Protein backbone atom coordinates (compact mmCIF):
# COMPACT_ATOMS: atom_id res chain seq x y z
CA UNK A 1 -11.20 -23.76 29.10
CA UNK A 2 -9.89 -20.65 30.80
CA UNK A 3 -9.84 -17.09 29.53
CA UNK A 4 -6.50 -15.94 28.16
CA UNK A 5 -5.46 -12.35 27.47
CA UNK A 6 -4.35 -12.12 23.84
CA UNK A 7 -2.58 -9.20 22.16
CA UNK A 8 -2.52 -9.13 18.36
CA UNK A 9 0.98 -10.15 17.37
CA UNK A 10 1.31 -9.40 13.68
CA UNK A 11 0.89 -6.42 11.39
CA UNK A 12 -1.90 -5.64 8.97
CA UNK A 13 -1.28 -6.47 5.31
CA UNK A 14 -1.86 -3.44 3.09
CA UNK A 15 -0.19 -0.89 0.86
CA UNK A 16 -1.14 2.36 -0.84
CA UNK A 17 -2.88 0.40 -3.65
CA UNK A 18 -5.26 -1.48 -1.33
CA UNK A 19 -8.92 -0.79 -2.16
CA UNK A 20 -10.79 -3.39 -0.10
CA UNK A 21 -10.13 -3.95 3.61
CA UNK A 22 -11.23 -7.31 5.05
CA UNK A 23 -11.36 -7.43 8.85
CA UNK A 24 -11.60 -10.46 11.09
CA UNK A 25 -11.95 -10.42 14.86
CA UNK A 26 -8.61 -11.70 16.22
CA UNK A 27 -6.20 -14.39 14.99
CA UNK A 28 -7.18 -17.89 16.10
CA UNK A 29 -4.90 -20.12 18.14
CA UNK A 30 -3.70 -21.78 14.89
CA UNK A 31 -3.16 -18.41 13.20
CA UNK A 32 -1.10 -17.22 16.15
CA UNK A 33 0.96 -20.43 15.96
CA UNK A 34 1.53 -19.81 12.22
CA UNK A 35 2.03 -16.07 12.78
CA UNK A 36 -0.35 -15.14 9.97
CA UNK A 37 -4.03 -14.61 9.24
CA UNK A 38 -6.48 -17.47 8.72
CA UNK A 39 -3.92 -20.12 9.59
CA UNK A 40 -6.33 -22.93 10.53
CA UNK A 41 -6.27 -25.55 7.75
CA UNK A 42 -10.08 -25.75 7.82
CA UNK A 43 -10.63 -21.99 7.49
CA UNK A 44 -11.92 -21.32 3.99
CA UNK A 45 -10.62 -17.73 3.66
CA UNK A 46 -7.64 -18.39 1.36
CA UNK A 47 -9.46 -21.00 -0.73
CA UNK A 48 -12.44 -18.64 -1.09
CA UNK A 49 -10.38 -15.61 -2.12
CA UNK A 50 -8.32 -17.68 -4.55
CA UNK A 51 -11.50 -19.02 -6.14
CA UNK A 52 -13.13 -15.59 -6.44
CA UNK A 53 -9.95 -13.96 -7.77
CA UNK A 54 -9.17 -16.84 -10.16
CA UNK A 55 -5.82 -17.43 -8.48
CA UNK A 56 -4.07 -20.58 -7.26
CA UNK A 57 -4.67 -21.25 -3.56
CA UNK A 58 -1.70 -19.69 -1.76
CA UNK A 59 0.22 -21.93 0.64
CA UNK A 60 3.00 -19.78 2.08
CA UNK A 61 2.73 -16.43 3.84
CA UNK A 62 4.58 -14.80 0.91
CA UNK A 63 2.11 -16.31 -1.59
CA UNK A 64 -0.81 -15.08 0.51
CA UNK A 65 0.61 -11.55 0.71
CA UNK A 66 1.34 -11.58 -3.03
CA UNK A 67 -2.27 -12.52 -3.85
CA UNK A 68 -3.59 -9.78 -1.55
CA UNK A 69 -1.31 -7.07 -2.95
CA UNK A 70 -1.90 -8.15 -6.55
CA UNK A 71 -5.66 -7.82 -6.05
CA UNK A 72 -5.54 -4.63 -3.95
CA UNK A 73 -6.95 -6.29 -0.85
CA UNK A 74 -5.88 -5.41 2.71
CA UNK A 75 -6.48 -7.60 5.76
CA UNK A 76 -6.37 -6.97 9.47
CA UNK A 77 -8.53 -7.49 12.53
CA UNK A 78 -10.80 -5.30 14.65
CA UNK A 79 -9.28 -6.40 17.98
CA UNK A 80 -5.84 -5.35 19.23
CA UNK A 81 -6.24 -7.24 22.51
CA UNK A 82 -8.94 -9.02 24.50
CA UNK A 83 -9.70 -11.89 26.80
CA UNK A 84 -10.80 -15.03 24.95
CA UNK A 85 -11.29 -18.76 25.50
CA UNK A 86 -9.32 -20.57 22.80
CA UNK A 87 -10.51 -19.27 19.42
CA UNK A 88 -14.16 -18.78 20.41
CA UNK A 89 -15.46 -15.42 19.17
CA UNK A 90 -18.49 -15.80 21.41
CA UNK A 91 -16.24 -15.69 24.50
CA UNK A 92 -14.50 -12.39 23.60
CA UNK A 93 -14.50 -9.75 26.35
CA UNK A 94 -12.44 -6.73 27.48
CA UNK A 95 -11.82 -5.60 23.91
CA UNK A 96 -9.22 -3.02 22.95
CA UNK A 97 -9.73 -2.26 19.24
CA UNK A 98 -7.12 -1.84 16.54
CA UNK A 99 -6.76 1.61 14.99
CA UNK A 100 -7.54 1.10 11.31
CA UNK A 101 -7.23 4.82 10.61
CA UNK A 102 -3.56 4.32 9.68
CA UNK A 103 -4.65 2.00 6.86
CA UNK A 104 -7.33 4.45 5.72
CA UNK A 105 -4.78 7.29 5.75
CA UNK A 106 -2.37 5.30 3.53
CA UNK A 107 -4.66 3.40 1.15
CA UNK A 108 -7.70 4.49 -0.86
CA UNK A 109 -10.03 1.95 0.75
CA UNK A 110 -13.35 1.87 -1.10
CA UNK A 111 -15.03 -0.75 1.07
CA UNK A 112 -14.61 -2.44 4.40
CA UNK A 113 -15.72 -6.07 4.74
CA UNK A 114 -16.19 -7.74 8.11
CA UNK A 115 -15.51 -11.49 7.99
CA UNK A 116 -18.36 -12.73 10.18
CA UNK A 117 -21.00 -11.29 12.49
CA UNK A 118 -18.71 -10.80 15.49
CA UNK A 119 -16.19 -8.83 13.41
CA UNK A 120 -19.09 -6.78 12.01
CA UNK A 121 -20.54 -6.02 15.44
CA UNK A 122 -17.14 -5.08 16.88
CA UNK A 123 -16.37 -2.89 13.85
CA UNK A 124 -19.68 -1.08 14.27
CA UNK A 125 -19.06 -0.55 17.99
CA UNK A 126 -15.38 0.47 17.95
CA UNK A 127 -14.32 1.43 14.41
CA UNK A 128 -17.32 3.07 12.77
CA UNK A 129 -17.35 6.02 15.20
CA UNK A 130 -13.69 6.70 14.31
CA UNK A 131 -13.88 6.13 10.55
CA UNK A 132 -17.43 7.02 9.56
CA UNK A 133 -17.09 4.25 6.95
CA UNK A 134 -19.77 1.55 7.00
CA UNK A 135 -18.69 -2.08 6.70
CA UNK A 136 -20.42 -4.90 4.86
CA UNK A 137 -20.71 -7.95 7.11
CA UNK A 138 -20.29 -11.21 5.21
CA UNK A 139 -20.62 -14.77 6.55
CA UNK A 140 -17.55 -16.01 8.40
CA UNK A 141 -15.08 -18.24 6.57
CA UNK A 142 -14.35 -20.00 9.89
CA UNK A 143 -14.81 -23.77 10.06
CA UNK A 144 -17.10 -23.07 13.05
CA UNK A 145 -19.57 -21.56 10.54
CA UNK A 146 -20.43 -25.00 9.16
CA UNK A 147 -23.95 -23.94 8.16
CA UNK A 148 -22.36 -22.00 5.30
CA UNK A 149 -21.07 -24.39 2.66
CA UNK A 150 -18.18 -23.33 0.45
CA UNK A 151 -20.61 -22.86 -2.46
CA UNK A 152 -22.84 -20.56 -0.38
CA UNK A 153 -19.81 -18.56 0.78
CA UNK A 154 -18.64 -18.21 -2.83
CA UNK A 155 -22.05 -16.96 -3.94
CA UNK A 156 -22.37 -14.40 -1.12
CA UNK A 157 -18.76 -13.17 -1.04
CA UNK A 158 -18.62 -13.39 -4.85
CA UNK A 159 -21.51 -10.99 -5.29
CA UNK A 160 -19.51 -8.40 -3.40
CA UNK A 161 -16.03 -9.13 -4.73
CA UNK A 162 -17.20 -9.27 -8.36
CA UNK A 163 -19.20 -6.06 -8.07
CA UNK A 164 -16.07 -4.25 -6.94
CA UNK A 165 -13.51 -5.81 -9.30
CA UNK A 166 -13.10 -2.45 -11.07
CA UNK A 167 -12.03 -0.84 -7.78
CA UNK A 168 -9.03 -3.19 -7.61
CA UNK A 169 -7.57 -2.10 -10.94
């Protein structure tokens, strides 16, 4: 598989009521085809959030946005553009980061969560020096992270999400 230069093609999801910002690396091939975050059917992101927030699993982009806004959660990615092979985070190179300061200037973000180790490492390298806000790195919801069962993801993500439920009010 060859490297392809990818530029992030859709906007972050947030508003002035967002309190938690969840950052991935870059939309996968399937997400880019669907023109929205976590678009691969096997990615557990939407199922996980729905479970933790006691919501029905959203199917449409509008349902996904509604669930995020209702629960004061923002989502975006740490990469604006890069070279990548397919959807493989391990192949990422020539990174140009997103500028999350516009989200932080609009919303009262209490915590930043990186969805996976690569997102966490890239946040620390590119975003932390600009924001001064530490991120919690949680296990990736990607189907490539098969070592983490859904139950283990729920326990780990749930510890964080439940601790901060009051911040979403």
